[in-house]
N, C-alpha and C. Protein backbone atom coordinates (compact mmCIF):
# COMPACT_ATOMS: atom_id res chain seq x y z
N THR A 1 -54.02 -16.38 -26.00
CA THR A 1 -54.16 -15.02 -26.92
C THR A 1 -53.22 -15.41 -28.26
N LYS A 2 -53.66 -14.74 -29.25
CA LYS A 2 -52.53 -14.57 -30.62
C LYS A 2 -51.35 -14.45 -30.10
N SER A 3 -51.23 -13.18 -29.52
CA SER A 3 -49.61 -12.64 -29.20
C SER A 3 -48.91 -13.83 -28.72
N ASN A 4 -49.52 -14.50 -27.48
CA ASN A 4 -48.82 -15.56 -26.75
C ASN A 4 -48.44 -16.68 -27.81
N GLN A 5 -49.07 -16.98 -28.84
CA GLN A 5 -48.92 -18.10 -29.71
C GLN A 5 -47.70 -17.74 -30.40
N ASP A 6 -48.03 -16.40 -30.97
CA ASP A 6 -46.90 -15.90 -31.57
C ASP A 6 -45.47 -15.80 -30.80
N LEU A 7 -45.24 -15.59 -29.75
CA LEU A 7 -44.17 -15.64 -28.96
C LEU A 7 -43.78 -17.01 -28.55
N GLU A 8 -44.76 -17.97 -28.22
CA GLU A 8 -44.29 -19.47 -28.06
C GLU A 8 -43.73 -19.95 -29.33
N SER A 9 -44.47 -19.58 -30.61
CA SER A 9 -43.69 -19.99 -31.82
C SER A 9 -42.24 -19.48 -32.08
N ALA A 10 -42.08 -18.34 -31.35
CA ALA A 10 -40.85 -17.37 -31.79
C ALA A 10 -39.84 -18.40 -30.86
N ARG A 11 -40.18 -18.80 -29.64
CA ARG A 11 -39.44 -19.40 -28.67
C ARG A 11 -39.15 -20.91 -29.22
N ALA A 12 -40.21 -21.57 -29.77
CA ALA A 12 -39.97 -22.94 -30.26
C ALA A 12 -38.98 -22.84 -31.59
N MET A 13 -38.91 -22.19 -32.03
CA MET A 13 -38.25 -21.85 -33.44
C MET A 13 -36.67 -21.54 -33.05
N LEU A 14 -36.51 -20.80 -31.79
CA LEU A 14 -35.21 -20.60 -31.35
C LEU A 14 -34.47 -21.92 -30.85
N ARG A 15 -35.39 -22.60 -30.41
CA ARG A 15 -34.89 -23.95 -29.50
C ARG A 15 -34.85 -24.74 -30.77
N GLU A 16 -35.26 -24.75 -31.72
CA GLU A 16 -35.22 -25.80 -32.80
C GLU A 16 -33.99 -25.53 -33.42
N PHE A 17 -33.85 -24.00 -33.94
CA PHE A 17 -32.57 -23.66 -34.67
C PHE A 17 -31.61 -23.44 -34.27
N SER A 18 -31.29 -23.67 -32.78
CA SER A 18 -30.07 -22.97 -32.07
C SER A 18 -28.80 -24.12 -32.30
N SER A 19 -29.37 -25.55 -32.76
CA SER A 19 -28.17 -26.04 -32.78
C SER A 19 -27.23 -25.96 -34.33
N VAL A 20 -28.17 -25.19 -35.45
CA VAL A 20 -27.63 -24.81 -36.65
C VAL A 20 -27.17 -23.27 -36.81
N LEU A 21 -27.77 -22.30 -35.90
CA LEU A 21 -27.28 -21.19 -36.00
C LEU A 21 -25.92 -20.87 -35.46
N PRO A 22 -25.14 -19.98 -36.39
CA PRO A 22 -23.73 -19.72 -35.96
C PRO A 22 -23.89 -18.95 -34.50
N GLU A 23 -22.63 -19.15 -33.56
CA GLU A 23 -23.00 -18.29 -32.42
C GLU A 23 -22.50 -16.84 -32.85
N LYS A 24 -23.70 -16.13 -31.80
CA LYS A 24 -23.75 -14.63 -32.42
C LYS A 24 -24.12 -14.22 -33.39
N ALA A 25 -25.10 -15.30 -34.57
CA ALA A 25 -25.52 -14.97 -35.70
C ALA A 25 -26.01 -13.73 -36.06
N LYS A 26 -25.81 -12.83 -36.98
CA LYS A 26 -26.56 -11.67 -37.44
C LYS A 26 -27.53 -11.80 -38.33
N VAL A 27 -28.93 -11.90 -37.88
CA VAL A 27 -29.98 -12.38 -38.62
C VAL A 27 -30.71 -11.21 -39.32
N LEU A 28 -30.54 -11.49 -40.83
CA LEU A 28 -31.72 -10.86 -41.77
C LEU A 28 -33.07 -11.21 -41.48
N VAL A 29 -33.81 -10.23 -40.84
CA VAL A 29 -34.97 -10.69 -40.67
C VAL A 29 -36.21 -10.47 -42.10
N LEU A 30 -36.83 -11.29 -42.61
CA LEU A 30 -37.96 -11.03 -43.89
C LEU A 30 -39.10 -11.88 -43.18
N PRO A 31 -40.25 -10.74 -43.18
CA PRO A 31 -40.18 -9.30 -44.25
C PRO A 31 -38.97 -8.42 -43.38
N THR A 32 -38.69 -7.56 -44.00
CA THR A 32 -38.40 -6.35 -43.48
C THR A 32 -39.31 -5.24 -43.62
N THR A 33 -39.51 -4.69 -42.50
CA THR A 33 -40.54 -3.60 -42.22
C THR A 33 -40.01 -2.16 -41.89
N ARG A 34 -40.61 -1.22 -42.35
CA ARG A 34 -40.55 0.25 -42.01
C ARG A 34 -41.26 0.58 -40.76
N TYR A 35 -40.88 1.23 -39.92
CA TYR A 35 -41.73 2.01 -38.78
C TYR A 35 -42.05 3.02 -38.59
N PRO A 36 -42.99 3.67 -38.26
CA PRO A 36 -44.17 2.62 -37.85
C PRO A 36 -44.78 1.77 -38.75
N LEU A 37 -44.90 0.62 -38.45
CA LEU A 37 -45.77 -0.12 -39.39
C LEU A 37 -46.88 -0.18 -39.19
N LEU A 38 -48.14 -0.05 -40.11
CA LEU A 38 -49.34 0.13 -39.90
C LEU A 38 -50.22 -0.92 -40.63
N ASN A 39 -49.39 -1.40 -41.30
CA ASN A 39 -50.36 -2.47 -42.52
C ASN A 39 -49.74 -4.23 -42.36
N ARG A 40 -50.78 -4.81 -42.40
CA ARG A 40 -50.28 -6.52 -42.35
C ARG A 40 -49.21 -6.57 -43.53
N VAL A 41 -48.26 -7.27 -43.68
CA VAL A 41 -47.48 -8.11 -44.82
C VAL A 41 -47.81 -9.23 -44.91
N GLY A 42 -48.58 -9.47 -46.19
CA GLY A 42 -49.35 -10.93 -46.45
C GLY A 42 -50.44 -11.09 -45.36
N ASN A 43 -50.27 -12.73 -44.57
CA ASN A 43 -50.93 -12.93 -43.48
C ASN A 43 -50.36 -12.67 -42.07
N MET A 44 -49.45 -11.66 -42.30
CA MET A 44 -48.44 -11.64 -41.14
C MET A 44 -49.19 -10.58 -40.25
N PRO A 45 -49.22 -10.60 -39.14
CA PRO A 45 -49.83 -9.47 -38.31
C PRO A 45 -48.84 -8.44 -38.13
N VAL A 46 -49.51 -7.25 -37.68
CA VAL A 46 -48.37 -6.21 -37.70
C VAL A 46 -47.77 -6.15 -36.53
N LEU A 47 -46.43 -6.21 -36.64
CA LEU A 47 -45.30 -5.98 -35.79
C LEU A 47 -44.97 -7.63 -35.40
N ALA A 48 -45.26 -8.36 -36.12
CA ALA A 48 -45.11 -10.21 -35.73
C ALA A 48 -43.64 -10.08 -36.07
N ASP A 49 -43.14 -9.05 -36.74
CA ASP A 49 -41.36 -9.65 -36.95
C ASP A 49 -40.59 -9.43 -36.05
N ILE A 50 -41.45 -8.78 -34.76
CA ILE A 50 -40.36 -8.63 -33.70
C ILE A 50 -40.24 -9.85 -32.59
N PHE A 51 -41.19 -10.67 -32.62
CA PHE A 51 -41.37 -11.73 -31.70
C PHE A 51 -39.99 -12.33 -31.45
N PRO A 52 -39.35 -13.14 -32.71
CA PRO A 52 -38.03 -13.75 -32.54
C PRO A 52 -37.02 -13.06 -31.61
N TYR A 53 -36.95 -11.37 -32.05
CA TYR A 53 -35.91 -10.44 -31.06
C TYR A 53 -36.63 -10.53 -29.32
N LEU A 54 -37.93 -10.64 -29.40
CA LEU A 54 -38.19 -10.45 -28.00
C LEU A 54 -38.22 -11.47 -27.10
N VAL A 55 -37.69 -12.62 -27.50
CA VAL A 55 -38.01 -14.18 -26.76
C VAL A 55 -36.48 -14.27 -27.04
N ASP A 56 -35.48 -13.68 -27.91
CA ASP A 56 -33.92 -13.96 -27.77
C ASP A 56 -33.41 -13.61 -26.36
N ASP A 57 -32.66 -14.32 -26.12
CA ASP A 57 -31.97 -14.11 -24.59
C ASP A 57 -30.64 -13.20 -24.78
N GLY A 58 -30.56 -12.72 -26.27
CA GLY A 58 -29.32 -11.88 -26.45
C GLY A 58 -28.26 -12.69 -27.16
N SER A 59 -28.50 -14.02 -27.55
CA SER A 59 -27.49 -14.53 -28.41
C SER A 59 -27.25 -14.23 -29.62
N TYR A 60 -28.44 -13.46 -30.13
CA TYR A 60 -28.29 -13.09 -31.80
C TYR A 60 -28.40 -11.68 -31.99
N CYS A 61 -28.00 -11.22 -32.89
CA CYS A 61 -28.30 -10.05 -33.52
C CYS A 61 -29.06 -9.87 -34.58
N TRP A 62 -30.38 -8.90 -34.49
CA TRP A 62 -31.48 -8.97 -35.44
C TRP A 62 -31.56 -7.79 -36.25
N SER A 63 -32.08 -7.91 -37.35
CA SER A 63 -32.12 -6.68 -38.38
C SER A 63 -33.36 -6.00 -37.81
N ILE A 64 -34.13 -6.53 -37.23
CA ILE A 64 -35.71 -5.59 -36.83
C ILE A 64 -35.57 -4.23 -36.35
N LEU A 65 -36.42 -3.32 -36.60
CA LEU A 65 -36.23 -2.02 -36.08
C LEU A 65 -35.19 -1.36 -36.67
N PRO A 66 -34.86 -1.17 -37.91
CA PRO A 66 -34.00 -0.56 -38.82
C PRO A 66 -34.31 1.18 -38.70
N LEU A 67 -34.04 1.72 -37.42
CA LEU A 67 -34.48 3.04 -37.48
C LEU A 67 -33.14 3.75 -38.00
N ASP A 68 -32.20 3.50 -37.98
CA ASP A 68 -31.07 3.93 -38.57
C ASP A 68 -31.02 4.30 -39.99
N PRO A 69 -31.04 5.60 -40.74
CA PRO A 69 -31.21 5.59 -42.39
C PRO A 69 -30.43 4.77 -42.65
N LEU A 70 -29.04 4.48 -42.86
CA LEU A 70 -28.18 4.02 -43.19
C LEU A 70 -28.58 2.42 -43.24
N ALA A 71 -29.08 1.85 -42.32
CA ALA A 71 -29.57 0.76 -42.05
C ALA A 71 -30.85 0.37 -42.88
N GLN A 72 -31.76 0.98 -42.91
CA GLN A 72 -33.01 1.07 -43.78
C GLN A 72 -32.48 1.32 -45.04
N ARG A 73 -31.61 2.14 -45.56
CA ARG A 73 -31.17 2.11 -47.04
C ARG A 73 -30.57 0.69 -47.18
N GLN A 74 -29.82 0.31 -46.21
CA GLN A 74 -29.13 -1.31 -46.95
C GLN A 74 -30.25 -2.48 -46.99
N ILE A 75 -31.34 -2.02 -45.89
CA ILE A 75 -32.24 -3.13 -46.21
C ILE A 75 -33.00 -3.11 -47.64
N GLU A 76 -33.37 -1.87 -47.87
CA GLU A 76 -34.20 -1.63 -49.11
C GLU A 76 -33.41 -1.85 -50.08
N GLU A 77 -32.01 -1.99 -50.33
CA GLU A 77 -30.92 -2.46 -51.33
C GLU A 77 -31.23 -3.96 -51.53
N ILE A 78 -30.99 -4.53 -50.37
CA ILE A 78 -31.02 -5.94 -50.48
C ILE A 78 -32.26 -6.31 -50.89
N MET A 79 -33.71 -5.65 -50.63
CA MET A 79 -34.78 -6.37 -50.92
C MET A 79 -34.90 -6.13 -52.53
N GLN A 80 -33.85 -5.66 -52.94
CA GLN A 80 -34.07 -5.72 -54.70
C GLN A 80 -33.04 -6.67 -55.55
N LEU A 81 -32.36 -7.45 -54.55
CA LEU A 81 -31.42 -8.51 -55.17
C LEU A 81 -32.06 -9.80 -54.82
N ARG A 82 -31.42 -10.66 -55.48
CA ARG A 82 -31.88 -12.20 -55.63
C ARG A 82 -30.48 -12.81 -55.79
N GLY A 83 -30.89 -14.28 -55.14
CA GLY A 83 -29.66 -15.09 -55.34
C GLY A 83 -28.32 -14.86 -54.64
N ASN A 84 -27.30 -15.14 -55.68
CA ASN A 84 -25.71 -14.75 -55.30
C ASN A 84 -25.56 -13.61 -55.02
N ALA A 85 -26.69 -12.66 -56.02
CA ALA A 85 -26.14 -11.01 -55.42
C ALA A 85 -26.68 -10.75 -54.14
N LEU A 86 -27.85 -11.00 -53.60
CA LEU A 86 -28.29 -10.79 -52.53
C LEU A 86 -27.58 -11.66 -51.25
N LEU A 87 -26.87 -12.65 -51.72
CA LEU A 87 -25.68 -13.29 -50.54
C LEU A 87 -24.76 -12.15 -50.50
N GLU A 88 -24.43 -12.07 -51.58
CA GLU A 88 -22.81 -10.96 -51.43
C GLU A 88 -23.01 -9.84 -50.59
N LYS A 89 -24.36 -9.22 -50.90
CA LYS A 89 -24.72 -7.72 -50.75
C LYS A 89 -24.67 -7.96 -48.76
N ILE A 90 -25.40 -9.40 -48.36
CA ILE A 90 -25.88 -9.51 -46.90
C ILE A 90 -24.51 -9.68 -46.16
N LYS A 91 -23.74 -10.54 -46.89
CA LYS A 91 -22.54 -10.83 -46.42
C LYS A 91 -21.31 -9.36 -46.21
N LYS A 92 -21.47 -8.73 -47.34
CA LYS A 92 -20.75 -7.21 -47.08
C LYS A 92 -21.30 -6.80 -45.83
N ILE A 93 -22.63 -6.76 -45.62
CA ILE A 93 -22.81 -5.83 -44.54
C ILE A 93 -22.84 -6.53 -43.12
N GLY A 94 -22.62 -8.01 -43.08
CA GLY A 94 -22.26 -8.78 -41.88
C GLY A 94 -23.16 -9.70 -41.56
N TYR A 95 -24.46 -9.91 -42.24
CA TYR A 95 -25.47 -11.00 -41.87
C TYR A 95 -24.80 -12.31 -42.36
N ASN A 96 -25.12 -13.38 -41.38
CA ASN A 96 -24.67 -14.71 -42.05
C ASN A 96 -26.35 -15.87 -41.83
N THR A 97 -27.17 -15.15 -41.51
CA THR A 97 -28.57 -15.85 -41.43
C THR A 97 -29.58 -14.96 -41.86
N ILE A 98 -30.51 -15.54 -42.27
CA ILE A 98 -31.74 -14.88 -42.93
C ILE A 98 -32.89 -16.13 -42.43
N LEU A 99 -33.84 -15.10 -41.62
CA LEU A 99 -35.11 -16.05 -41.24
C LEU A 99 -36.08 -15.08 -41.97
N TYR A 100 -36.89 -16.09 -42.42
CA TYR A 100 -38.34 -15.43 -43.25
C TYR A 100 -39.22 -16.04 -42.54
N ASP A 101 -40.34 -15.10 -42.18
CA ASP A 101 -41.46 -15.72 -41.45
C ASP A 101 -42.69 -16.05 -42.65
N THR A 102 -42.95 -17.09 -42.89
CA THR A 102 -43.85 -17.88 -43.97
C THR A 102 -45.14 -17.21 -44.03
N ARG A 103 -45.58 -16.52 -42.80
CA ARG A 103 -46.90 -15.73 -43.18
C ARG A 103 -46.81 -14.55 -43.94
N ALA A 104 -45.49 -13.77 -44.43
CA ALA A 104 -45.49 -12.65 -45.22
C ALA A 104 -45.26 -13.33 -46.75
N ASN A 105 -46.51 -13.84 -46.86
CA ASN A 105 -46.58 -14.56 -48.27
C ASN A 105 -46.82 -13.82 -49.47
N ILE A 106 -46.20 -12.87 -49.38
CA ILE A 106 -46.21 -12.20 -50.79
C ILE A 106 -45.21 -12.38 -51.70
N ASP A 107 -45.16 -11.88 -53.07
CA ASP A 107 -44.39 -12.34 -54.05
C ASP A 107 -42.95 -11.77 -53.82
N ILE A 108 -42.54 -10.58 -53.25
CA ILE A 108 -41.25 -10.27 -53.13
C ILE A 108 -40.60 -10.98 -51.98
N TYR A 109 -41.40 -11.58 -51.21
CA TYR A 109 -40.69 -12.60 -49.95
C TYR A 109 -40.32 -13.94 -50.68
N ILE A 110 -41.49 -14.37 -51.51
CA ILE A 110 -41.39 -15.91 -52.07
C ILE A 110 -40.51 -15.86 -52.84
N ASP A 111 -40.30 -14.97 -53.54
CA ASP A 111 -39.28 -14.54 -54.95
C ASP A 111 -37.73 -14.61 -54.19
N ILE A 112 -37.63 -14.09 -53.29
CA ILE A 112 -36.27 -13.98 -52.45
C ILE A 112 -36.14 -15.35 -51.92
N VAL A 113 -36.66 -15.88 -51.21
CA VAL A 113 -36.53 -17.39 -50.65
C VAL A 113 -36.55 -18.39 -51.81
N ASN A 114 -37.36 -18.29 -52.86
CA ASN A 114 -36.78 -19.12 -53.89
C ASN A 114 -35.64 -19.21 -54.46
N SER A 115 -35.09 -17.87 -54.72
CA SER A 115 -33.62 -17.62 -54.89
C SER A 115 -32.59 -18.19 -53.97
N LEU A 116 -32.89 -17.90 -53.00
CA LEU A 116 -31.82 -18.85 -51.66
C LEU A 116 -31.97 -20.14 -51.89
N GLU A 117 -33.21 -20.86 -52.14
CA GLU A 117 -33.24 -22.24 -52.23
C GLU A 117 -32.12 -22.40 -53.22
N GLN A 118 -32.19 -21.74 -54.25
CA GLN A 118 -31.08 -22.35 -55.35
C GLN A 118 -29.78 -22.13 -55.11
N GLU A 119 -29.12 -21.58 -53.86
CA GLU A 119 -27.89 -21.30 -53.85
C GLU A 119 -27.57 -22.48 -52.96
N GLY A 120 -27.73 -23.43 -52.61
CA GLY A 120 -26.90 -24.33 -51.90
C GLY A 120 -26.90 -23.68 -50.42
N LEU A 121 -27.56 -23.20 -49.78
CA LEU A 121 -27.40 -22.80 -48.37
C LEU A 121 -28.04 -24.07 -47.38
N ILE A 122 -27.98 -23.82 -46.27
CA ILE A 122 -28.62 -24.76 -45.30
C ILE A 122 -30.05 -24.03 -44.68
N LYS A 123 -30.91 -25.04 -45.31
CA LYS A 123 -32.50 -24.41 -45.09
C LYS A 123 -32.82 -25.23 -44.00
N ILE A 124 -33.52 -24.71 -43.10
CA ILE A 124 -34.12 -25.15 -41.91
C ILE A 124 -35.63 -24.57 -42.02
N GLN A 125 -36.73 -25.48 -41.55
CA GLN A 125 -37.94 -25.15 -41.18
C GLN A 125 -38.48 -25.20 -40.04
N SER A 126 -39.00 -24.40 -39.00
CA SER A 126 -39.51 -24.67 -37.84
C SER A 126 -40.84 -25.51 -37.96
N SER A 127 -41.01 -26.38 -36.89
CA SER A 127 -41.83 -27.78 -37.10
C SER A 127 -43.30 -26.88 -36.87
N ASP A 128 -43.92 -26.05 -36.77
CA ASP A 128 -44.99 -25.38 -36.95
C ASP A 128 -45.15 -24.53 -38.49
N GLY A 129 -43.92 -24.53 -39.24
CA GLY A 129 -43.88 -24.14 -40.49
C GLY A 129 -43.94 -22.70 -40.57
N ARG A 130 -43.79 -22.04 -39.45
CA ARG A 130 -44.16 -20.57 -39.57
C ARG A 130 -42.88 -19.98 -40.13
N TYR A 131 -41.94 -20.29 -39.72
CA TYR A 131 -40.54 -19.86 -40.16
C TYR A 131 -39.49 -20.74 -40.81
N ILE A 132 -38.88 -19.92 -41.72
CA ILE A 132 -37.72 -20.78 -42.39
C ILE A 132 -36.43 -20.09 -42.49
N GLY A 133 -35.53 -20.60 -42.13
CA GLY A 133 -33.81 -20.18 -41.99
C GLY A 133 -32.98 -20.51 -43.11
N PHE A 134 -32.08 -19.75 -43.34
CA PHE A 134 -31.01 -20.24 -44.15
C PHE A 134 -29.90 -19.73 -43.42
N THR A 135 -29.04 -20.47 -43.49
CA THR A 135 -27.51 -20.23 -42.69
C THR A 135 -26.64 -21.19 -43.38
N GLY A 136 -25.50 -20.79 -43.31
CA GLY A 136 -24.24 -21.39 -44.13
C GLY A 136 -23.59 -20.07 -44.96
N ILE A 137 -24.20 -19.08 -44.81
CA ILE A 137 -23.84 -17.84 -45.36
C ILE A 137 -22.27 -17.17 -45.04
N VAL A 138 -21.27 -17.53 -45.15
CA VAL A 138 -19.98 -17.34 -44.89
C VAL A 138 -19.30 -16.07 -45.64
N SER A 139 -18.58 -14.84 -45.02
CA SER A 139 -17.92 -14.21 -45.49
C SER A 139 -16.40 -14.85 -44.94
N SER A 140 -15.33 -13.85 -45.86
CA SER A 140 -14.15 -14.38 -45.42
C SER A 140 -13.52 -14.06 -44.05
N ASP A 141 -14.49 -13.40 -43.05
CA ASP A 141 -14.12 -12.96 -41.89
C ASP A 141 -15.05 -13.84 -40.80
N ILE A 142 -15.79 -14.57 -41.56
CA ILE A 142 -16.85 -15.58 -40.28
C ILE A 142 -16.80 -16.65 -40.80
N SER A 143 -16.19 -17.54 -39.54
CA SER A 143 -16.30 -19.18 -39.93
C SER A 143 -17.43 -19.99 -39.38
N LEU A 144 -18.27 -20.56 -39.81
CA LEU A 144 -19.60 -21.27 -39.23
C LEU A 144 -18.92 -22.76 -38.74
C-alpha cells in the first residue's frame, strides 16, 4: 500500500542519514503543518509528515505535531524567514537539522530550501529523492 511505501521510504532515509545527523538531533520538518490537517501540501499526501517520526526509534526530536500554541507560533515565524535569518531563528529555538519532504513542492518550501542551499550547510538527499536534509546548523551550545 501507499502507506507502507511511505513508511519504508522514511526508514530508508533514517538509515541513510544516520551517519551525518547529530546525536539526538532536533529536526525541523518541512512542510510544517497545522492539525488537524485536511488538505495535501503540494504532492505530499495528508499526514505524510509524520512518517519519519513514526519509524524513528527515539533517536531524534521532531517538530511534527506542534499542538502547543507557543511551538505553533514559533514555526509560523520560521516560515516567514529565509537564509541566515531562518538559521538564526531555528538555532535560537534549538533545532540543528532540517528535513524537507520534496513532495511538498510549493513555492514557500522551495524558496526556503533554495535559501538554505546558499548558506553552506551540509545537504543530503535520500536515495529515492523524497527527502532532503540540512545539517551543520550549530549554535553556541551544540557541537556537531
